[in-house]
């Protein structure tokens, strides 16, 4: 049986949430390098979460309209 995609997202988010408190601790301890690494870890985790959201729910978003007329390299209509 397939797992509920919303539940999977909630589980992934719950793994990311503590990283913010860890970031706060690094900042409060004036550990700039460790804080920068924590920011990168948060960014990567959020990117992964966004990718999962888009993979699971892209079908809910409206499609972007196709441009009717293409423009040449210099901006003139073809």
PDB file of N, CA and C in Angstrom:
ATOM      1  N   UNK A   1       0.841  -1.180   0.000  1.00  0.00           N
ATOM      2  CA  UNK A   1       0.000   0.000   0.000  1.00  0.00           C
ATOM      3  C   UNK A   1       0.888   1.247   0.000  1.00  0.00           C
ATOM      4  N   UNK A   2       0.554   2.187  -0.839  1.00  0.00           N
ATOM      5  CA  UNK A   2       1.345   3.416  -0.964  1.00  0.00           C
ATOM      6  C   UNK A   2       1.165   4.295   0.270  1.00  0.00           C
ATOM      7  N   UNK A   3       2.247   4.946   0.631  1.00  0.00           N
ATOM      8  CA  UNK A   3       2.214   5.838   1.788  1.00  0.00           C
ATOM      9  C   UNK A   3       1.586   7.168   1.387  1.00  0.00           C
ATOM     10  N   UNK A   4       0.903   7.790   2.318  1.00  0.00           N
ATOM     11  CA  UNK A   4       0.269   9.085   2.093  1.00  0.00           C
ATOM     12  C   UNK A   4       1.345  10.141   1.824  1.00  0.00           C
ATOM     13  N   UNK A   5       1.327  10.809   0.661  1.00  0.00           N
ATOM     14  CA  UNK A   5       2.368  11.790   0.342  1.00  0.00           C
ATOM     15  C   UNK A   5       2.391  12.974   1.308  1.00  0.00           C
ATOM     16  N   UNK A   6       1.240  13.365   1.826  1.00  0.00           N
ATOM     17  CA  UNK A   6       1.201  14.464   2.798  1.00  0.00           C
ATOM     18  C   UNK A   6       1.915  14.035   4.080  1.00  0.00           C
ATOM     19  N   UNK A   7       1.668  12.811   4.516  1.00  0.00           N
ATOM     20  CA  UNK A   7       2.328  12.307   5.721  1.00  0.00           C
ATOM     21  C   UNK A   7       3.841  12.231   5.512  1.00  0.00           C
ATOM     22  N   UNK A   8       4.261  11.812   4.329  1.00  0.00           N
ATOM     23  CA  UNK A   8       5.692  11.759   4.025  1.00  0.00           C
ATOM     24  C   UNK A   8       6.315  13.147   4.099  1.00  0.00           C
ATOM     25  N   UNK A   9       5.611  14.151   3.582  1.00  0.00           N
ATOM     26  CA  UNK A   9       6.118  15.527   3.638  1.00  0.00           C
ATOM     27  C   UNK A   9       6.212  16.014   5.079  1.00  0.00           C
ATOM     28  N   UNK A  10       5.215  15.689   5.877  1.00  0.00           N
ATOM     29  CA  UNK A  10       5.235  16.085   7.288  1.00  0.00           C
ATOM     30  C   UNK A  10       6.419  15.446   8.015  1.00  0.00           C
ATOM     31  N   UNK A  11       6.699  14.196   7.694  1.00  0.00           N
ATOM     32  CA  UNK A  11       7.836  13.511   8.313  1.00  0.00           C
ATOM     33  C   UNK A  11       9.155  14.159   7.898  1.00  0.00           C
ATOM     34  N   UNK A  12       9.268  14.501   6.621  1.00  0.00           N
ATOM     35  CA  UNK A  12      10.477  15.177   6.142  1.00  0.00           C
ATOM     36  C   UNK A  12      10.639  16.534   6.811  1.00  0.00           C
ATOM     37  N   UNK A  13       9.543  17.265   6.940  1.00  0.00           N
ATOM     38  CA  UNK A  13       9.593  18.579   7.580  1.00  0.00           C
ATOM     39  C   UNK A  13      10.006  18.449   9.042  1.00  0.00           C
ATOM     40  N   UNK A  14       9.511  17.427   9.708  1.00  0.00           N
ATOM     41  CA  UNK A  14       9.862  17.252  11.126  1.00  0.00           C
ATOM     42  C   UNK A  14      11.352  16.991  11.306  1.00  0.00           C
ATOM     43  N   UNK A  15      12.010  16.472  10.272  1.00  0.00           N
ATOM     44  CA  UNK A  15      13.462  16.280  10.326  1.00  0.00           C
ATOM     45  C   UNK A  15      14.203  17.602  10.130  1.00  0.00           C
ATOM     46  N   UNK A  16      13.592  18.532   9.406  1.00  0.00           N
ATOM     47  CA  UNK A  16      14.225  19.825   9.118  1.00  0.00           C
ATOM     48  C   UNK A  16      14.052  20.788  10.284  1.00  0.00           C
ATOM     49  N   UNK A  17      12.922  20.747  10.917  1.00  0.00           N
ATOM     50  CA  UNK A  17      12.578  21.699  11.970  1.00  0.00           C
ATOM     51  C   UNK A  17      13.649  21.846  13.059  1.00  0.00           C
ATOM     52  N   UNK A  18      14.225  20.775  13.578  1.00  0.00           N
ATOM     53  CA  UNK A  18      15.252  20.926  14.620  1.00  0.00           C
ATOM     54  C   UNK A  18      16.518  21.640  14.139  1.00  0.00           C
ATOM     55  N   UNK A  19      16.741  21.642  12.845  1.00  0.00           N
ATOM     56  CA  UNK A  19      17.934  22.307  12.319  1.00  0.00           C
ATOM     57  C   UNK A  19      17.920  23.805  12.619  1.00  0.00           C
ATOM     58  N   UNK A  20      16.727  24.386  12.712  1.00  0.00           N
ATOM     59  CA  UNK A  20      16.636  25.820  12.998  1.00  0.00           C
ATOM     60  C   UNK A  20      17.086  26.130  14.425  1.00  0.00           C
ATOM     61  N   UNK A  21      16.751  25.250  15.362  1.00  0.00           N
ATOM     62  CA  UNK A  21      17.217  25.444  16.741  1.00  0.00           C
ATOM     63  C   UNK A  21      18.724  25.234  16.825  1.00  0.00           C
ATOM     64  N   UNK A  22      19.230  24.293  16.053  1.00  0.00           N
ATOM     65  CA  UNK A  22      20.676  24.087  16.008  1.00  0.00           C
ATOM     66  C   UNK A  22      21.369  25.319  15.432  1.00  0.00           C
ATOM     67  N   UNK A  23      20.763  25.923  14.417  1.00  0.00           N
ATOM     68  CA  UNK A  23      21.310  27.151  13.842  1.00  0.00           C
ATOM     69  C   UNK A  23      21.325  28.258  14.885  1.00  0.00           C
ATOM     70  N   UNK A  24      20.231  28.401  15.625  1.00  0.00           N
ATOM     71  CA  UNK A  24      20.168  29.422  16.671  1.00  0.00           C
ATOM     72  C   UNK A  24      21.289  29.219  17.695  1.00  0.00           C
ATOM     73  N   UNK A  25      21.526  27.971  18.074  1.00  0.00           N
ATOM     74  CA  UNK A  25      22.575  27.669  19.052  1.00  0.00           C
ATOM     75  C   UNK A  25      23.952  28.048  18.508  1.00  0.00           C
ATOM     76  N   UNK A  26      24.191  27.769  17.234  1.00  0.00           N
ATOM     77  CA  UNK A  26      25.482  28.122  16.624  1.00  0.00           C
ATOM     78  C   UNK A  26      25.659  29.637  16.578  1.00  0.00           C
ATOM     79  N   UNK A  27      24.599  30.342  16.249  1.00  0.00           N
ATOM     80  CA  UNK A  27      24.664  31.808  16.194  1.00  0.00           C
ATOM     81  C   UNK A  27      24.897  32.370  17.593  1.00  0.00           C
ATOM     82  N   UNK A  28      24.149  31.881  18.574  1.00  0.00           N
ATOM     83  CA  UNK A  28      24.293  32.371  19.948  1.00  0.00           C
ATOM     84  C   UNK A  28      25.678  32.092  20.520  1.00  0.00           C
ATOM     85  N   UNK A  29      26.310  31.022  20.049  1.00  0.00           N
ATOM     86  CA  UNK A  29      27.652  30.674  20.516  1.00  0.00           C
ATOM     87  C   UNK A  29      28.732  31.351  19.675  1.00  0.00           C
ATOM     88  N   UNK A  30      28.318  32.216  18.759  1.00  0.00           N
ATOM     89  CA  UNK A  30      29.245  32.957  17.884  1.00  0.00           C
ATOM     90  C   UNK A  30      30.142  32.025  17.070  1.00  0.00           C
ATOM     91  N   UNK A  31      29.581  30.910  16.637  1.00  0.00           N
ATOM     92  CA  UNK A  31      30.330  29.982  15.783  1.00  0.00           C
ATOM     93  C   UNK A  31      29.871  30.187  14.339  1.00  0.00           C
ATOM     94  N   UNK A  32      30.495  31.156  13.696  1.00  0.00           N
ATOM     95  CA  UNK A  32      30.072  31.567  12.361  1.00  0.00           C
ATOM     96  C   UNK A  32      30.224  30.443  11.341  1.00  0.00           C
ATOM     97  N   UNK A  33      31.350  29.744  11.369  1.00  0.00           N
ATOM     98  CA  UNK A  33      31.570  28.676  10.387  1.00  0.00           C
ATOM     99  C   UNK A  33      30.537  27.558  10.567  1.00  0.00           C
ATOM    100  N   UNK A  34      30.290  27.175  11.807  1.00  0.00           N
ATOM    101  CA  UNK A  34      29.299  26.128  12.077  1.00  0.00           C
ATOM    102  C   UNK A  34      27.899  26.594  11.679  1.00  0.00           C
ATOM    103  N   UNK A  35      27.603  27.873  11.917  1.00  0.00           N
ATOM    104  CA  UNK A  35      26.296  28.421  11.529  1.00  0.00           C
ATOM    105  C   UNK A  35      26.144  28.412  10.010  1.00  0.00           C
ATOM    106  N   UNK A  36      27.213  28.765   9.304  1.00  0.00           N
ATOM    107  CA  UNK A  36      27.166  28.763   7.838  1.00  0.00           C
ATOM    108  C   UNK A  36      26.930  27.349   7.313  1.00  0.00           C
ATOM    109  N   UNK A  37      27.577  26.368   7.923  1.00  0.00           N
ATOM    110  CA  UNK A  37      27.367  24.973   7.517  1.00  0.00           C
ATOM    111  C   UNK A  37      25.936  24.524   7.810  1.00  0.00           C
ATOM    112  N   UNK A  38      25.384  24.987   8.927  1.00  0.00           N
ATOM    113  CA  UNK A  38      24.006  24.634   9.285  1.00  0.00           C
ATOM    114  C   UNK A  38      23.029  25.256   8.281  1.00  0.00           C
ATOM    115  N   UNK A  39      23.317  26.487   7.853  1.00  0.00           N
ATOM    116  CA  UNK A  39      22.470  27.137   6.844  1.00  0.00           C
ATOM    117  C   UNK A  39      22.483  26.333   5.553  1.00  0.00           C
ATOM    118  N   UNK A  40      23.655  25.861   5.146  1.00  0.00           N
ATOM    119  CA  UNK A  40      23.745  25.042   3.932  1.00  0.00           C
ATOM    120  C   UNK A  40      22.955  23.747   4.092  1.00  0.00           C
ATOM    121  N   UNK A  41      23.026  23.156   5.279  1.00  0.00           N
ATOM    122  CA  UNK A  41      22.272  21.928   5.546  1.00  0.00           C
ATOM    123  C   UNK A  41      20.767  22.190   5.475  1.00  0.00           C
ATOM    124  N   UNK A  42      20.330  23.300   6.038  1.00  0.00           N
ATOM    125  CA  UNK A  42      18.913  23.673   5.982  1.00  0.00           C
ATOM    126  C   UNK A  42      18.491  23.911   4.537  1.00  0.00           C
ATOM    127  N   UNK A  43      19.318  24.634   3.798  1.00  0.00           N
ATOM    128  CA  UNK A  43      18.996  24.930   2.400  1.00  0.00           C
ATOM    129  C   UNK A  43      18.852  23.645   1.588  1.00  0.00           C
ATOM    130  N   UNK A  44      19.772  22.723   1.757  1.00  0.00           N
ATOM    131  CA  UNK A  44      19.709  21.451   1.036  1.00  0.00           C
ATOM    132  C   UNK A  44      18.450  20.672   1.413  1.00  0.00           C
ATOM    133  N   UNK A  45      18.146  20.639   2.695  1.00  0.00           N
ATOM    134  CA  UNK A  45      16.953  19.921   3.157  1.00  0.00           C
ATOM    135  C   UNK A  45      15.676  20.540   2.602  1.00  0.00           C
ATOM    136  N   UNK A  46      15.624  21.874   2.581  1.00  0.00           N
ATOM    137  CA  UNK A  46      14.442  22.548   2.038  1.00  0.00           C
ATOM    138  C   UNK A  46      14.325  22.331   0.533  1.00  0.00           C
ATOM    139  N   UNK A  47      15.465  22.327  -0.173  1.00  0.00           N
ATOM    140  CA  UNK A  47      15.442  22.038  -1.610  1.00  0.00           C
ATOM    141  C   UNK A  47      14.903  20.633  -1.867  1.00  0.00           C
ATOM    142  N   UNK A  48      15.345  19.678  -1.057  1.00  0.00           N
ATOM    143  CA  UNK A  48      14.857  18.301  -1.198  1.00  0.00           C
ATOM    144  C   UNK A  48      13.354  18.225  -0.936  1.00  0.00           C
ATOM    145  N   UNK A  49      12.902  18.942   0.080  1.00  0.00           N
ATOM    146  CA  UNK A  49      11.471  18.965   0.402  1.00  0.00           C
ATOM    147  C   UNK A  49      10.672  19.597  -0.740  1.00  0.00           C
ATOM    148  N   UNK A  50      11.174  20.694  -1.275  1.00  0.00           N
ATOM    149  CA  UNK A  50      10.493  21.351  -2.398  1.00  0.00           C
ATOM    150  C   UNK A  50      10.414  20.414  -3.603  1.00  0.00           C
ATOM    151  N   UNK A  51      11.509  19.718  -3.874  1.00  0.00           N
ATOM    152  CA  UNK A  51      11.531  18.790  -5.007  1.00  0.00           C
ATOM    153  C   UNK A  51      10.469  17.702  -4.808  1.00  0.00           C
ATOM    154  N   UNK A  52      10.337  17.212  -3.591  1.00  0.00           N
ATOM    155  CA  UNK A  52       9.330  16.185  -3.309  1.00  0.00           C
ATOM    156  C   UNK A  52       7.918  16.738  -3.485  1.00  0.00           C
ATOM    157  N   UNK A  53       7.693  17.953  -3.005  1.00  0.00           N
ATOM    158  CA  UNK A  53       6.377  18.587  -3.176  1.00  0.00           C
ATOM    159  C   UNK A  53       6.050  18.699  -4.664  1.00  0.00           C
ATOM    160  N   UNK A  54       7.006  19.177  -5.444  1.00  0.00           N
ATOM    161  CA  UNK A  54       6.753  19.363  -6.873  1.00  0.00           C
ATOM    162  C   UNK A  54       6.537  18.023  -7.573  1.00  0.00           C
ATOM    163  N   UNK A  55       7.298  17.015  -7.200  1.00  0.00           N
ATOM    164  CA  UNK A  55       7.124  15.695  -7.819  1.00  0.00           C
ATOM    165  C   UNK A  55       5.755  15.102  -7.505  1.00  0.00           C
ATOM    166  N   UNK A  56       5.314  15.285  -6.272  1.00  0.00           N
ATOM    167  CA  UNK A  56       4.048  14.678  -5.856  1.00  0.00           C
ATOM    168  C   UNK A  56       2.814  15.483  -6.251  1.00  0.00           C
ATOM    169  N   UNK A  57       2.963  16.811  -6.353  1.00  0.00           N
ATOM    170  CA  UNK A  57       1.771  17.651  -6.501  1.00  0.00           C
ATOM    171  C   UNK A  57       1.810  18.629  -7.672  1.00  0.00           C
ATOM    172  N   UNK A  58       2.758  18.476  -8.572  1.00  0.00           N
ATOM    173  CA  UNK A  58       2.849  19.372  -9.727  1.00  0.00           C
ATOM    174  C   UNK A  58       1.552  19.385 -10.532  1.00  0.00           C
ATOM    175  N   UNK A  59       0.880  18.270 -10.566  1.00  0.00           N
ATOM    176  CA  UNK A  59      -0.353  18.152 -11.354  1.00  0.00           C
ATOM    177  C   UNK A  59      -1.446  19.099 -10.868  1.00  0.00           C
ATOM    178  N   UNK A  60      -1.329  19.613  -9.638  1.00  0.00           N
ATOM    179  CA  UNK A  60      -2.328  20.547  -9.111  1.00  0.00           C
ATOM    180  C   UNK A  60      -2.114  21.979  -9.583  1.00  0.00           C
ATOM    181  N   UNK A  61      -0.915  22.281 -10.063  1.00  0.00           N
ATOM    182  CA  UNK A  61      -0.595  23.644 -10.482  1.00  0.00           C
ATOM    183  C   UNK A  61      -1.062  23.882 -11.912  1.00  0.00           C
ATOM    184  N   UNK A  62      -1.561  25.084 -12.192  1.00  0.00           N
ATOM    185  CA  UNK A  62      -1.974  25.381 -13.569  1.00  0.00           C
ATOM    186  C   UNK A  62      -0.754  25.399 -14.488  1.00  0.00           C
ATOM    187  N   UNK A  63      -0.971  24.963 -15.696  1.00  0.00           N
ATOM    188  CA  UNK A  63       0.099  24.968 -16.686  1.00  0.00           C
ATOM    189  C   UNK A  63       0.349  26.386 -17.162  1.00  0.00           C
ATOM    190  N   UNK A  64       1.614  26.719 -17.398  1.00  0.00           N
ATOM    191  CA  UNK A  64       1.934  28.042 -17.923  1.00  0.00           C
ATOM    192  C   UNK A  64       1.526  28.094 -19.390  1.00  0.00           C
ATOM    193  N   UNK A  65       0.942  29.213 -19.814  1.00  0.00           N
ATOM    194  CA  UNK A  65       0.525  29.311 -21.219  1.00  0.00           C
ATOM    195  C   UNK A  65       1.738  29.302 -22.152  1.00  0.00           C
ATOM    196  N   UNK A  66       1.538  28.696 -23.302  1.00  0.00           N
ATOM    197  CA  UNK A  66       2.591  28.664 -24.312  1.00  0.00           C
ATOM    198  C   UNK A  66       2.612  30.012 -25.003  1.00  0.00           C
ATOM    199  N   UNK A  67       3.801  30.567 -25.173  1.00  0.00           N
ATOM    200  CA  UNK A  67       3.924  31.870 -25.819  1.00  0.00           C
ATOM    201  C   UNK A  67       3.496  31.745 -27.284  1.00  0.00           C
ATOM    202  N   UNK A  68       2.617  32.646 -27.708  1.00  0.00           N
ATOM    203  CA  UNK A  68       2.061  32.573 -29.053  1.00  0.00           C
ATOM    204  C   UNK A  68       3.070  32.945 -30.133  1.00  0.00           C
ATOM    205  N   UNK A  69       3.788  34.027 -29.917  1.00  0.00           N
ATOM    206  CA  UNK A  69       4.735  34.483 -30.929  1.00  0.00           C
ATOM    207  C   UNK A  69       6.134  34.489 -30.344  1.00  0.00           C
ATOM    208  N   UNK A  70       7.059  33.918 -31.111  1.00  0.00           N
ATOM    209  CA  UNK A  70       8.446  33.914 -30.669  1.00  0.00           C
ATOM    210  C   UNK A  70       9.123  35.182 -31.164  1.00  0.00           C
ATOM    211  N   UNK A  71      10.091  35.634 -30.400  1.00  0.00           N
ATOM    212  CA  UNK A  71      10.847  36.812 -30.803  1.00  0.00           C
ATOM    213  C   UNK A  71      12.229  36.381 -31.255  1.00  0.00           C
ATOM    214  N   UNK A  72      12.774  37.136 -32.194  1.00  0.00           N
ATOM    215  CA  UNK A  72      14.118  36.852 -32.660  1.00  0.00           C
ATOM    216  C   UNK A  72      15.122  37.297 -31.608  1.00  0.00           C
ATOM    217  N   UNK A  73      16.364  37.072 -31.877  1.00  0.00           N
ATOM    218  CA  UNK A  73      17.442  37.430 -30.971  1.00  0.00           C
ATOM    219  C   UNK A  73      17.416  38.907 -30.616  1.00  0.00           C
ATOM    220  N   UNK A  74      16.976  39.765 -31.527  1.00  0.00           N
ATOM    221  CA  UNK A  74      16.997  41.211 -31.318  1.00  0.00           C
ATOM    222  C   UNK A  74      15.656  41.759 -30.841  1.00  0.00           C
ATOM    223  N   UNK A  75      14.718  40.904 -30.502  1.00  0.00           N
ATOM    224  CA  UNK A  75      13.456  41.349 -29.941  1.00  0.00           C
ATOM    225  C   UNK A  75      12.348  41.576 -30.953  1.00  0.00           C
ATOM    226  N   UNK A  76      12.609  41.354 -32.233  1.00  0.00           N
ATOM    227  CA  UNK A  76      11.571  41.533 -33.248  1.00  0.00           C
ATOM    228  C   UNK A  76      10.736  40.265 -33.344  1.00  0.00           C
ATOM    229  N   UNK A  77       9.451  40.449 -33.618  1.00  0.00           N
ATOM    230  CA  UNK A  77       8.573  39.291 -33.765  1.00  0.00           C
ATOM    231  C   UNK A  77       8.888  38.583 -35.063  1.00  0.00           C
ATOM    232  N   UNK A  78       8.834  37.264 -35.018  1.00  0.00           N
ATOM    233  CA  UNK A  78       9.081  36.468 -36.225  1.00  0.00           C
ATOM    234  C   UNK A  78       7.786  36.245 -36.951  1.00  0.00           C
TER     235      UNK A  78
END
